[in-house]
């Protein structure tokens, strides 16, 4: 397994650690650790694709597993933040519906011997979703000692979860639905016999 694919697989493992940390493990530094683990996992998302292209190590495994690992990481982030009442459940359901539709389309393509790589809109969507999740994780971690100095920033009118957080969720949702629709439209020939 080449280095980019190892990074993709590592992202799945880091997602498990992130879920464990944010699922109620007691401790003073748990939310800060969850922020760190999520940030490292998100960084592997950018590194694996960059290295695969730069080193000429693009594989069908990477084309399939990289977007899937992204979806697992982002699903974990949104579901856990929804469980903490930071992101509305209805928004998470819409985001997950898009992800399932795109994954389903990839499975249909795979059955026909075609591998659908992520497109640029999907990459922008993932980037904005990562920013959104990191924003809320920083908010959570700012209640802990290491990042406590950031807490006053969230008290500033436009920087708190009720304002900037809502904007990030809204823009993420719009970009997620738009990129999903665009992806389905560009690959509509795969669905012509439905």
N, C-alpha and C. Protein backbone atom coordinates (compact mmCIF):
# COMPACT_ATOMS: atom_id res chain seq x y z
N UNK A 1 0.86 -1.18 0.00
CA UNK A 1 0.00 0.00 0.00
C UNK A 1 0.90 1.23 0.00
N UNK A 2 0.65 2.15 -0.95
CA UNK A 2 1.50 3.33 -1.04
C UNK A 2 1.16 4.36 0.06
N UNK A 3 2.01 5.38 0.18
CA UNK A 3 1.87 6.36 1.26
C UNK A 3 0.53 7.10 1.23
N UNK A 4 0.07 7.60 0.07
CA UNK A 4 -1.23 8.28 0.08
C UNK A 4 -2.36 7.37 0.57
N UNK A 5 -2.35 6.12 0.17
CA UNK A 5 -3.39 5.19 0.62
C UNK A 5 -3.25 4.88 2.11
N UNK A 6 -2.03 4.84 2.62
CA UNK A 6 -1.83 4.65 4.06
C UNK A 6 -2.42 5.83 4.84
N UNK A 7 -2.26 7.04 4.30
CA UNK A 7 -2.84 8.22 4.96
C UNK A 7 -4.37 8.15 4.96
N UNK A 8 -4.93 7.66 3.86
CA UNK A 8 -6.39 7.50 3.78
C UNK A 8 -6.88 6.53 4.84
N UNK A 9 -6.20 5.39 4.98
CA UNK A 9 -6.58 4.39 5.97
C UNK A 9 -6.35 4.95 7.39
N UNK A 10 -5.29 5.70 7.57
CA UNK A 10 -5.03 6.31 8.87
C UNK A 10 -6.16 7.26 9.26
N UNK A 11 -6.74 7.95 8.27
CA UNK A 11 -7.86 8.85 8.56
C UNK A 11 -9.04 8.09 9.15
N UNK A 12 -9.27 6.89 8.68
CA UNK A 12 -10.35 6.06 9.25
C UNK A 12 -10.04 5.72 10.70
N UNK A 13 -8.80 5.36 10.99
CA UNK A 13 -8.41 5.06 12.37
C UNK A 13 -8.51 6.28 13.27
N UNK A 14 -8.08 7.43 12.77
CA UNK A 14 -8.17 8.66 13.54
C UNK A 14 -9.63 9.04 13.81
N UNK A 15 -10.49 8.71 12.86
CA UNK A 15 -11.92 8.98 13.06
C UNK A 15 -12.45 8.19 14.24
N UNK A 16 -12.03 6.95 14.37
CA UNK A 16 -12.45 6.14 15.52
C UNK A 16 -11.99 6.75 16.84
N UNK A 17 -10.77 7.24 16.87
CA UNK A 17 -10.24 7.89 18.08
C UNK A 17 -11.05 9.16 18.37
N UNK A 18 -11.32 9.94 17.34
CA UNK A 18 -12.11 11.17 17.48
C UNK A 18 -13.49 10.87 18.07
N UNK A 19 -14.14 9.85 17.53
CA UNK A 19 -15.48 9.47 18.02
C UNK A 19 -15.40 9.07 19.48
N UNK A 20 -14.39 8.28 19.84
CA UNK A 20 -14.24 7.85 21.24
C UNK A 20 -14.05 9.06 22.15
N UNK A 21 -13.24 10.01 21.72
CA UNK A 21 -12.97 11.19 22.56
C UNK A 21 -14.21 12.05 22.75
N UNK A 22 -14.99 12.22 21.69
CA UNK A 22 -16.12 13.13 21.77
C UNK A 22 -17.41 12.45 22.24
N UNK A 23 -17.33 11.16 22.51
CA UNK A 23 -18.53 10.41 22.90
C UNK A 23 -18.73 10.35 24.41
N UNK A 24 -18.10 11.21 25.13
CA UNK A 24 -18.39 11.26 26.56
C UNK A 24 -17.31 10.74 27.48
N UNK A 25 -16.10 10.53 26.96
CA UNK A 25 -15.00 10.13 27.85
C UNK A 25 -14.75 11.28 28.82
N UNK A 26 -14.73 11.02 30.11
CA UNK A 26 -14.49 12.11 31.06
C UNK A 26 -13.03 12.55 31.03
N UNK A 27 -12.82 13.81 31.31
CA UNK A 27 -11.46 14.33 31.38
C UNK A 27 -11.42 15.81 31.09
N UNK A 28 -10.35 16.43 31.56
CA UNK A 28 -10.20 17.87 31.43
C UNK A 28 -9.77 18.29 30.04
N UNK A 29 -9.12 17.40 29.30
CA UNK A 29 -8.54 17.76 28.00
C UNK A 29 -9.19 17.02 26.84
N UNK A 30 -10.31 16.37 27.06
CA UNK A 30 -10.90 15.50 26.05
C UNK A 30 -11.32 16.27 24.79
N UNK A 31 -11.97 17.39 24.95
CA UNK A 31 -12.43 18.16 23.78
C UNK A 31 -11.25 18.74 23.01
N UNK A 32 -10.21 19.14 23.75
CA UNK A 32 -9.00 19.64 23.10
C UNK A 32 -8.33 18.51 22.31
N UNK A 33 -8.28 17.32 22.90
CA UNK A 33 -7.71 16.16 22.20
C UNK A 33 -8.55 15.82 20.97
N UNK A 34 -9.88 15.90 21.10
CA UNK A 34 -10.76 15.62 19.95
C UNK A 34 -10.48 16.62 18.82
N UNK A 35 -10.30 17.89 19.18
CA UNK A 35 -9.96 18.91 18.18
C UNK A 35 -8.65 18.57 17.49
N UNK A 36 -7.64 18.18 18.26
CA UNK A 36 -6.34 17.84 17.69
C UNK A 36 -6.45 16.64 16.76
N UNK A 37 -7.12 15.59 17.21
CA UNK A 37 -7.24 14.37 16.39
C UNK A 37 -8.02 14.66 15.11
N UNK A 38 -9.12 15.40 15.22
CA UNK A 38 -9.90 15.75 14.03
C UNK A 38 -9.05 16.57 13.06
N UNK A 39 -8.29 17.52 13.58
CA UNK A 39 -7.46 18.38 12.73
C UNK A 39 -6.40 17.57 12.00
N UNK A 40 -5.80 16.62 12.69
CA UNK A 40 -4.80 15.74 12.04
C UNK A 40 -5.47 14.90 10.97
N UNK A 41 -6.64 14.33 11.28
CA UNK A 41 -7.37 13.53 10.30
C UNK A 41 -7.73 14.36 9.08
N UNK A 42 -8.18 15.60 9.30
CA UNK A 42 -8.54 16.48 8.19
C UNK A 42 -7.31 16.81 7.35
N UNK A 43 -6.16 16.97 8.00
CA UNK A 43 -4.92 17.25 7.27
C UNK A 43 -4.54 16.09 6.36
N UNK A 44 -4.79 14.86 6.81
CA UNK A 44 -4.48 13.71 5.96
C UNK A 44 -5.34 13.72 4.69
N UNK A 45 -6.53 14.34 4.78
CA UNK A 45 -7.39 14.44 3.60
C UNK A 45 -6.71 15.26 2.51
N UNK A 46 -6.06 16.35 2.91
CA UNK A 46 -5.38 17.18 1.92
C UNK A 46 -4.07 16.53 1.46
N UNK A 47 -3.37 15.88 2.41
CA UNK A 47 -2.07 15.30 2.08
C UNK A 47 -2.17 14.10 1.14
N UNK A 48 -3.13 13.20 1.38
CA UNK A 48 -3.15 11.98 0.57
C UNK A 48 -3.38 12.29 -0.91
N UNK A 49 -4.31 13.18 -1.21
CA UNK A 49 -4.55 13.54 -2.61
C UNK A 49 -3.38 14.28 -3.23
N UNK A 50 -2.81 15.22 -2.47
CA UNK A 50 -1.66 15.97 -2.97
C UNK A 50 -0.50 15.04 -3.29
N UNK A 51 -0.19 14.15 -2.34
CA UNK A 51 0.93 13.23 -2.55
C UNK A 51 0.66 12.25 -3.70
N UNK A 52 -0.57 11.78 -3.79
CA UNK A 52 -0.90 10.84 -4.87
C UNK A 52 -0.68 11.49 -6.24
N UNK A 53 -1.12 12.75 -6.37
CA UNK A 53 -0.92 13.45 -7.65
C UNK A 53 0.54 13.80 -7.87
N UNK A 54 1.19 14.31 -6.84
CA UNK A 54 2.57 14.77 -6.95
C UNK A 54 3.55 13.62 -7.24
N UNK A 55 3.30 12.48 -6.59
CA UNK A 55 4.22 11.34 -6.74
C UNK A 55 3.75 10.33 -7.79
N UNK A 56 2.66 10.63 -8.46
CA UNK A 56 2.15 9.72 -9.48
C UNK A 56 1.67 8.40 -8.88
N UNK A 57 1.04 8.47 -7.71
CA UNK A 57 0.59 7.26 -7.01
C UNK A 57 -0.94 7.17 -6.95
N UNK A 58 -1.61 7.69 -7.95
CA UNK A 58 -3.07 7.63 -7.98
C UNK A 58 -3.49 6.19 -8.27
N UNK A 59 -4.36 5.65 -7.42
CA UNK A 59 -4.84 4.28 -7.59
C UNK A 59 -6.36 4.27 -7.52
N UNK A 60 -6.96 3.20 -8.03
CA UNK A 60 -8.41 3.05 -7.91
C UNK A 60 -8.82 2.95 -6.45
N UNK A 61 -7.99 2.31 -5.63
CA UNK A 61 -8.27 2.23 -4.19
C UNK A 61 -8.38 3.63 -3.61
N UNK A 62 -7.43 4.49 -3.95
CA UNK A 62 -7.43 5.86 -3.45
C UNK A 62 -8.62 6.66 -3.96
N UNK A 63 -8.96 6.47 -5.24
CA UNK A 63 -10.11 7.19 -5.80
C UNK A 63 -11.40 6.81 -5.09
N UNK A 64 -11.49 5.56 -4.66
CA UNK A 64 -12.70 5.10 -3.98
C UNK A 64 -12.65 5.39 -2.48
N UNK A 65 -11.53 5.07 -1.85
CA UNK A 65 -11.45 5.16 -0.39
C UNK A 65 -11.24 6.57 0.14
N UNK A 66 -10.55 7.43 -0.60
CA UNK A 66 -10.33 8.80 -0.12
C UNK A 66 -11.65 9.52 0.12
N UNK A 67 -12.56 9.57 -0.86
CA UNK A 67 -13.84 10.23 -0.58
C UNK A 67 -14.66 9.51 0.48
N UNK A 68 -14.55 8.19 0.54
CA UNK A 68 -15.29 7.44 1.56
C UNK A 68 -14.77 7.75 2.96
N UNK A 69 -13.44 7.81 3.12
CA UNK A 69 -12.86 8.17 4.41
C UNK A 69 -13.25 9.59 4.80
N UNK A 70 -13.32 10.50 3.81
CA UNK A 70 -13.79 11.87 4.08
C UNK A 70 -15.21 11.84 4.64
N UNK A 71 -16.06 11.06 3.99
CA UNK A 71 -17.46 10.99 4.41
C UNK A 71 -17.60 10.41 5.83
N UNK A 72 -16.81 9.41 6.13
CA UNK A 72 -16.86 8.81 7.47
C UNK A 72 -16.43 9.85 8.52
N UNK A 73 -15.34 10.57 8.24
CA UNK A 73 -14.86 11.59 9.17
C UNK A 73 -15.89 12.70 9.34
N UNK A 74 -16.42 13.20 8.24
CA UNK A 74 -17.37 14.32 8.32
C UNK A 74 -18.69 13.87 8.94
N UNK A 75 -19.13 12.67 8.63
CA UNK A 75 -20.36 12.15 9.25
C UNK A 75 -20.18 12.08 10.76
N UNK A 76 -19.04 11.57 11.19
CA UNK A 76 -18.76 11.49 12.63
C UNK A 76 -18.81 12.88 13.26
N UNK A 77 -18.16 13.84 12.63
CA UNK A 77 -18.14 15.19 13.17
C UNK A 77 -19.52 15.80 13.28
N UNK A 78 -20.30 15.73 12.21
CA UNK A 78 -21.63 16.34 12.23
C UNK A 78 -22.59 15.62 13.17
N UNK A 79 -22.55 14.30 13.18
CA UNK A 79 -23.46 13.56 14.07
C UNK A 79 -23.14 13.84 15.53
N UNK A 80 -21.85 13.82 15.88
CA UNK A 80 -21.47 14.08 17.27
C UNK A 80 -21.80 15.51 17.70
N UNK A 81 -21.57 16.47 16.81
CA UNK A 81 -21.90 17.86 17.14
C UNK A 81 -23.41 18.07 17.24
N UNK A 82 -24.15 17.32 16.45
CA UNK A 82 -25.61 17.38 16.57
C UNK A 82 -26.05 16.82 17.92
N UNK A 83 -25.42 15.74 18.34
CA UNK A 83 -25.72 15.15 19.64
C UNK A 83 -25.40 16.07 20.80
N UNK A 84 -24.50 17.02 20.56
CA UNK A 84 -24.15 18.01 21.58
C UNK A 84 -24.97 19.30 21.41
N UNK A 85 -25.99 19.24 20.56
CA UNK A 85 -26.90 20.36 20.30
C UNK A 85 -26.21 21.59 19.72
N UNK A 86 -25.16 21.37 18.93
CA UNK A 86 -24.47 22.49 18.28
C UNK A 86 -24.88 22.64 16.82
N UNK A 87 -25.29 21.54 16.20
CA UNK A 87 -25.75 21.56 14.81
C UNK A 87 -27.12 20.91 14.78
N UNK A 88 -28.10 21.55 14.13
CA UNK A 88 -29.45 20.97 14.11
C UNK A 88 -29.48 19.62 13.38
N UNK A 89 -30.25 18.71 13.92
CA UNK A 89 -30.34 17.35 13.36
C UNK A 89 -30.83 17.38 11.92
N UNK A 90 -31.77 18.27 11.59
CA UNK A 90 -32.31 18.31 10.22
C UNK A 90 -31.20 18.65 9.21
N UNK A 91 -30.26 19.53 9.61
CA UNK A 91 -29.16 19.88 8.71
C UNK A 91 -28.24 18.68 8.51
N UNK A 92 -28.00 17.94 9.58
CA UNK A 92 -27.16 16.74 9.49
C UNK A 92 -27.81 15.70 8.60
N UNK A 93 -29.12 15.54 8.71
CA UNK A 93 -29.84 14.57 7.86
C UNK A 93 -29.69 14.94 6.39
N UNK A 94 -29.83 16.22 6.05
CA UNK A 94 -29.66 16.65 4.65
C UNK A 94 -28.24 16.41 4.16
N UNK A 95 -27.26 16.71 5.01
CA UNK A 95 -25.86 16.48 4.62
C UNK A 95 -25.61 14.99 4.41
N UNK A 96 -26.12 14.16 5.32
CA UNK A 96 -25.92 12.71 5.19
C UNK A 96 -26.65 12.15 3.98
N UNK A 97 -27.83 12.68 3.68
CA UNK A 97 -28.57 12.22 2.51
C UNK A 97 -27.75 12.46 1.25
N UNK A 98 -27.13 13.61 1.15
CA UNK A 98 -26.28 13.91 -0.02
C UNK A 98 -25.13 12.91 -0.09
N UNK A 99 -24.51 12.66 1.06
CA UNK A 99 -23.36 11.75 1.06
C UNK A 99 -23.77 10.33 0.66
N UNK A 100 -24.92 9.87 1.15
CA UNK A 100 -25.39 8.54 0.77
C UNK A 100 -25.72 8.47 -0.72
N UNK A 101 -26.33 9.52 -1.27
CA UNK A 101 -26.65 9.53 -2.70
C UNK A 101 -25.39 9.45 -3.55
N UNK A 102 -24.40 10.25 -3.19
CA UNK A 102 -23.15 10.24 -3.97
C UNK A 102 -22.43 8.90 -3.82
N UNK A 103 -22.42 8.35 -2.61
CA UNK A 103 -21.80 7.04 -2.40
C UNK A 103 -22.55 5.97 -3.19
N UNK A 104 -23.87 6.04 -3.20
CA UNK A 104 -24.67 5.10 -4.00
C UNK A 104 -24.34 5.19 -5.47
N UNK A 105 -24.19 6.42 -5.97
CA UNK A 105 -23.82 6.61 -7.37
C UNK A 105 -22.45 6.01 -7.65
N UNK A 106 -21.53 6.17 -6.71
CA UNK A 106 -20.19 5.58 -6.88
C UNK A 106 -20.27 4.05 -6.92
N UNK A 107 -21.16 3.47 -6.12
CA UNK A 107 -21.34 2.01 -6.14
C UNK A 107 -21.91 1.55 -7.47
N UNK A 108 -22.88 2.28 -8.00
CA UNK A 108 -23.44 1.96 -9.32
C UNK A 108 -22.33 2.02 -10.37
N UNK A 109 -21.53 3.08 -10.32
CA UNK A 109 -20.43 3.23 -11.28
C UNK A 109 -19.43 2.10 -11.14
N UNK A 110 -19.12 1.74 -9.90
CA UNK A 110 -18.16 0.67 -9.64
C UNK A 110 -18.66 -0.66 -10.21
N UNK A 111 -19.96 -0.90 -10.08
CA UNK A 111 -20.54 -2.14 -10.64
C UNK A 111 -20.40 -2.19 -12.15
N UNK A 112 -20.28 -1.03 -12.78
CA UNK A 112 -20.10 -0.97 -14.23
C UNK A 112 -18.64 -0.81 -14.62
N UNK A 113 -17.75 -0.94 -13.63
CA UNK A 113 -16.32 -0.87 -13.90
C UNK A 113 -15.78 0.54 -14.01
N UNK A 114 -16.53 1.51 -13.52
CA UNK A 114 -16.10 2.91 -13.59
C UNK A 114 -15.83 3.40 -12.17
N UNK A 115 -14.71 4.09 -11.98
CA UNK A 115 -14.40 4.69 -10.69
C UNK A 115 -14.60 6.20 -10.83
N UNK A 116 -15.50 6.75 -10.01
CA UNK A 116 -15.77 8.19 -10.04
C UNK A 116 -14.93 8.88 -8.97
N UNK A 117 -14.02 9.72 -9.41
CA UNK A 117 -13.20 10.48 -8.48
C UNK A 117 -13.99 11.69 -7.99
N UNK A 118 -13.56 12.23 -6.86
CA UNK A 118 -14.19 13.45 -6.34
C UNK A 118 -13.91 14.59 -7.31
N UNK A 119 -14.88 15.50 -7.43
CA UNK A 119 -14.67 16.67 -8.29
C UNK A 119 -14.35 17.89 -7.44
N UNK A 120 -14.09 19.02 -8.10
CA UNK A 120 -13.66 20.22 -7.38
C UNK A 120 -14.74 20.73 -6.42
N UNK A 121 -16.01 20.68 -6.82
CA UNK A 121 -17.08 21.15 -5.93
C UNK A 121 -17.13 20.30 -4.66
N UNK A 122 -16.92 19.01 -4.81
CA UNK A 122 -16.90 18.13 -3.64
C UNK A 122 -15.73 18.45 -2.72
N UNK A 123 -14.61 18.85 -3.30
CA UNK A 123 -13.45 19.20 -2.48
C UNK A 123 -13.69 20.50 -1.72
N UNK A 124 -14.32 21.47 -2.37
CA UNK A 124 -14.67 22.73 -1.68
C UNK A 124 -15.67 22.45 -0.56
N UNK A 125 -16.62 21.58 -0.85
CA UNK A 125 -17.63 21.20 0.14
C UNK A 125 -16.97 20.59 1.36
N UNK A 126 -16.05 19.66 1.13
CA UNK A 126 -15.35 19.01 2.23
C UNK A 126 -14.54 20.01 3.04
N UNK A 127 -13.86 20.92 2.34
CA UNK A 127 -13.07 21.94 3.03
C UNK A 127 -13.95 22.79 3.94
N UNK A 128 -15.09 23.24 3.43
CA UNK A 128 -15.97 24.08 4.24
C UNK A 128 -16.58 23.28 5.39
N UNK A 129 -16.88 22.01 5.16
CA UNK A 129 -17.39 21.18 6.25
C UNK A 129 -16.33 21.02 7.34
N UNK A 130 -15.09 20.83 6.94
CA UNK A 130 -13.99 20.70 7.91
C UNK A 130 -13.86 21.99 8.73
N UNK A 131 -13.91 23.13 8.06
CA UNK A 131 -13.84 24.41 8.76
C UNK A 131 -14.98 24.53 9.76
N UNK A 132 -16.18 24.13 9.36
CA UNK A 132 -17.36 24.21 10.24
C UNK A 132 -17.18 23.34 11.47
N UNK A 133 -16.76 22.10 11.27
CA UNK A 133 -16.58 21.20 12.41
C UNK A 133 -15.46 21.71 13.31
N UNK A 134 -14.36 22.17 12.73
CA UNK A 134 -13.26 22.68 13.55
C UNK A 134 -13.70 23.90 14.35
N UNK A 135 -14.51 24.77 13.75
CA UNK A 135 -15.03 25.93 14.49
C UNK A 135 -15.75 25.48 15.76
N UNK A 136 -16.65 24.50 15.62
CA UNK A 136 -17.41 24.05 16.79
C UNK A 136 -16.53 23.28 17.77
N UNK A 137 -15.52 22.57 17.28
CA UNK A 137 -14.61 21.88 18.18
C UNK A 137 -13.75 22.87 18.96
N UNK A 138 -13.33 23.96 18.31
CA UNK A 138 -12.60 25.00 19.03
C UNK A 138 -13.50 25.61 20.09
N UNK A 139 -14.76 25.83 19.74
CA UNK A 139 -15.72 26.36 20.72
C UNK A 139 -15.81 25.43 21.94
N UNK A 140 -15.93 24.13 21.70
CA UNK A 140 -15.98 23.17 22.82
C UNK A 140 -14.68 23.16 23.61
N UNK A 141 -13.55 23.14 22.89
CA UNK A 141 -12.24 23.06 23.55
C UNK A 141 -11.91 24.34 24.31
N UNK A 142 -12.54 25.45 23.94
CA UNK A 142 -12.24 26.72 24.63
C UNK A 142 -12.78 26.73 26.06
N UNK A 143 -13.56 25.73 26.43
CA UNK A 143 -14.02 25.59 27.81
C UNK A 143 -13.00 24.83 28.65
N UNK A 144 -11.95 24.31 28.02
CA UNK A 144 -10.92 23.55 28.72
C UNK A 144 -9.67 24.42 28.91
N UNK A 145 -8.81 24.05 29.84
CA UNK A 145 -7.69 24.93 30.23
C UNK A 145 -6.76 25.38 29.10
N UNK A 146 -6.37 24.50 28.20
CA UNK A 146 -5.38 24.86 27.19
C UNK A 146 -5.86 25.96 26.25
N UNK A 147 -7.11 25.92 25.85
CA UNK A 147 -7.64 26.90 24.90
C UNK A 147 -8.63 27.87 25.53
N UNK A 148 -8.63 27.95 26.85
CA UNK A 148 -9.56 28.81 27.56
C UNK A 148 -9.42 30.29 27.18
N UNK A 149 -8.23 30.68 26.73
CA UNK A 149 -8.01 32.08 26.34
C UNK A 149 -8.87 32.48 25.12
N UNK A 150 -9.36 31.49 24.37
CA UNK A 150 -10.20 31.78 23.20
C UNK A 150 -11.67 32.00 23.56
N UNK A 151 -12.08 31.59 24.76
CA UNK A 151 -13.49 31.64 25.13
C UNK A 151 -14.12 33.03 24.97
N UNK A 152 -13.42 34.10 25.36
CA UNK A 152 -14.05 35.43 25.20
C UNK A 152 -14.39 35.78 23.75
N UNK A 153 -13.65 35.22 22.78
CA UNK A 153 -13.96 35.49 21.37
C UNK A 153 -15.36 35.03 21.00
N UNK A 154 -15.79 33.92 21.59
CA UNK A 154 -17.11 33.39 21.27
C UNK A 154 -18.22 34.22 21.91
N UNK A 155 -17.86 35.12 22.84
CA UNK A 155 -18.83 36.03 23.43
C UNK A 155 -19.05 37.27 22.59
N UNK A 156 -18.12 37.51 21.63
CA UNK A 156 -18.30 38.64 20.72
C UNK A 156 -19.49 38.32 19.83
N UNK A 157 -20.35 39.30 19.65
CA UNK A 157 -21.66 39.11 19.01
C UNK A 157 -21.63 38.24 17.76
N UNK A 158 -20.80 38.57 16.79
CA UNK A 158 -20.85 37.86 15.51
C UNK A 158 -19.98 36.60 15.46
N UNK A 159 -19.19 36.33 16.47
CA UNK A 159 -18.28 35.19 16.43
C UNK A 159 -18.81 33.96 17.18
N UNK A 160 -19.92 34.09 17.87
CA UNK A 160 -20.46 32.98 18.64
C UNK A 160 -21.20 31.97 17.79
N UNK A 161 -21.52 30.82 18.36
CA UNK A 161 -22.22 29.76 17.64
C UNK A 161 -23.60 30.18 17.12
N UNK A 162 -24.24 31.15 17.79
CA UNK A 162 -25.55 31.59 17.35
C UNK A 162 -25.50 32.50 16.13
N UNK A 163 -24.30 32.95 15.76
CA UNK A 163 -24.18 33.81 14.59
C UNK A 163 -23.22 33.20 13.56
N UNK A 164 -21.92 33.24 13.86
CA UNK A 164 -20.95 32.67 12.92
C UNK A 164 -21.20 31.18 12.73
N UNK A 165 -21.52 30.49 13.82
CA UNK A 165 -21.81 29.05 13.71
C UNK A 165 -22.97 28.77 12.78
N UNK A 166 -24.04 29.56 12.89
CA UNK A 166 -25.22 29.38 12.03
C UNK A 166 -24.86 29.66 10.57
N UNK A 167 -24.05 30.69 10.34
CA UNK A 167 -23.62 31.01 8.97
C UNK A 167 -22.80 29.86 8.39
N UNK A 168 -21.86 29.34 9.17
CA UNK A 168 -21.04 28.22 8.69
C UNK A 168 -21.89 26.99 8.36
N UNK A 169 -22.85 26.69 9.23
CA UNK A 169 -23.75 25.56 8.97
C UNK A 169 -24.54 25.80 7.69
N UNK A 170 -25.10 27.00 7.55
CA UNK A 170 -25.91 27.31 6.37
C UNK A 170 -25.12 27.23 5.08
N UNK A 171 -23.93 27.83 5.06
CA UNK A 171 -23.11 27.81 3.85
C UNK A 171 -22.65 26.38 3.55
N UNK A 172 -22.28 25.64 4.59
CA UNK A 172 -21.89 24.23 4.40
C UNK A 172 -23.04 23.43 3.79
N UNK A 173 -24.23 23.66 4.31
CA UNK A 173 -25.41 22.93 3.82
C UNK A 173 -25.69 23.26 2.36
N UNK A 174 -25.67 24.54 2.01
CA UNK A 174 -25.92 24.95 0.63
C UNK A 174 -24.87 24.36 -0.30
N UNK A 175 -23.60 24.47 0.06
CA UNK A 175 -22.53 23.95 -0.79
C UNK A 175 -22.61 22.43 -0.89
N UNK A 176 -22.97 21.77 0.19
CA UNK A 176 -23.12 20.31 0.19
C UNK A 176 -24.21 19.88 -0.78
N UNK A 177 -25.38 20.52 -0.70
CA UNK A 177 -26.49 20.15 -1.57
C UNK A 177 -26.20 20.52 -3.03
N UNK A 178 -25.59 21.68 -3.24
CA UNK A 178 -25.25 22.10 -4.61
C UNK A 178 -24.23 21.14 -5.23
N UNK A 179 -23.19 20.79 -4.49
CA UNK A 179 -22.16 19.90 -5.04
C UNK A 179 -22.73 18.51 -5.30
N UNK A 180 -23.64 18.06 -4.42
CA UNK A 180 -24.28 16.76 -4.64
C UNK A 180 -25.14 16.75 -5.89
N UNK A 181 -25.93 17.81 -6.07
CA UNK A 181 -26.75 17.92 -7.28
C UNK A 181 -25.90 17.99 -8.53
N UNK A 182 -24.82 18.74 -8.45
CA UNK A 182 -23.90 18.86 -9.60
C UNK A 182 -23.27 17.51 -9.93
N UNK A 183 -22.88 16.79 -8.90
CA UNK A 183 -22.25 15.47 -9.09
C UNK A 183 -23.23 14.49 -9.73
N UNK A 184 -24.47 14.50 -9.23
CA UNK A 184 -25.49 13.61 -9.79
C UNK A 184 -25.77 13.98 -11.26
N UNK A 185 -25.85 15.27 -11.55
CA UNK A 185 -26.14 15.71 -12.91
C UNK A 185 -25.01 15.33 -13.86
N UNK A 186 -23.76 15.53 -13.44
CA UNK A 186 -22.63 15.20 -14.30
C UNK A 186 -22.52 13.71 -14.58
N UNK A 187 -23.06 12.90 -13.69
CA UNK A 187 -22.96 11.44 -13.86
C UNK A 187 -24.34 10.80 -14.09
N UNK A 188 -25.28 11.56 -14.61
CA UNK A 188 -26.66 11.11 -14.78
C UNK A 188 -26.78 9.93 -15.74
N UNK A 189 -25.82 9.76 -16.65
CA UNK A 189 -25.91 8.64 -17.58
C UNK A 189 -25.85 7.29 -16.86
N UNK A 190 -25.26 7.27 -15.67
CA UNK A 190 -25.19 6.03 -14.89
C UNK A 190 -26.57 5.64 -14.34
N UNK A 191 -27.50 6.59 -14.30
CA UNK A 191 -28.82 6.35 -13.75
C UNK A 191 -29.91 6.25 -14.79
N UNK A 192 -29.53 6.23 -16.07
CA UNK A 192 -30.55 6.29 -17.14
C UNK A 192 -31.46 5.06 -17.19
N UNK A 193 -31.03 3.92 -16.65
CA UNK A 193 -31.90 2.74 -16.69
C UNK A 193 -32.73 2.58 -15.41
N UNK A 194 -32.73 3.60 -14.55
CA UNK A 194 -33.52 3.53 -13.31
C UNK A 194 -34.98 3.83 -13.58
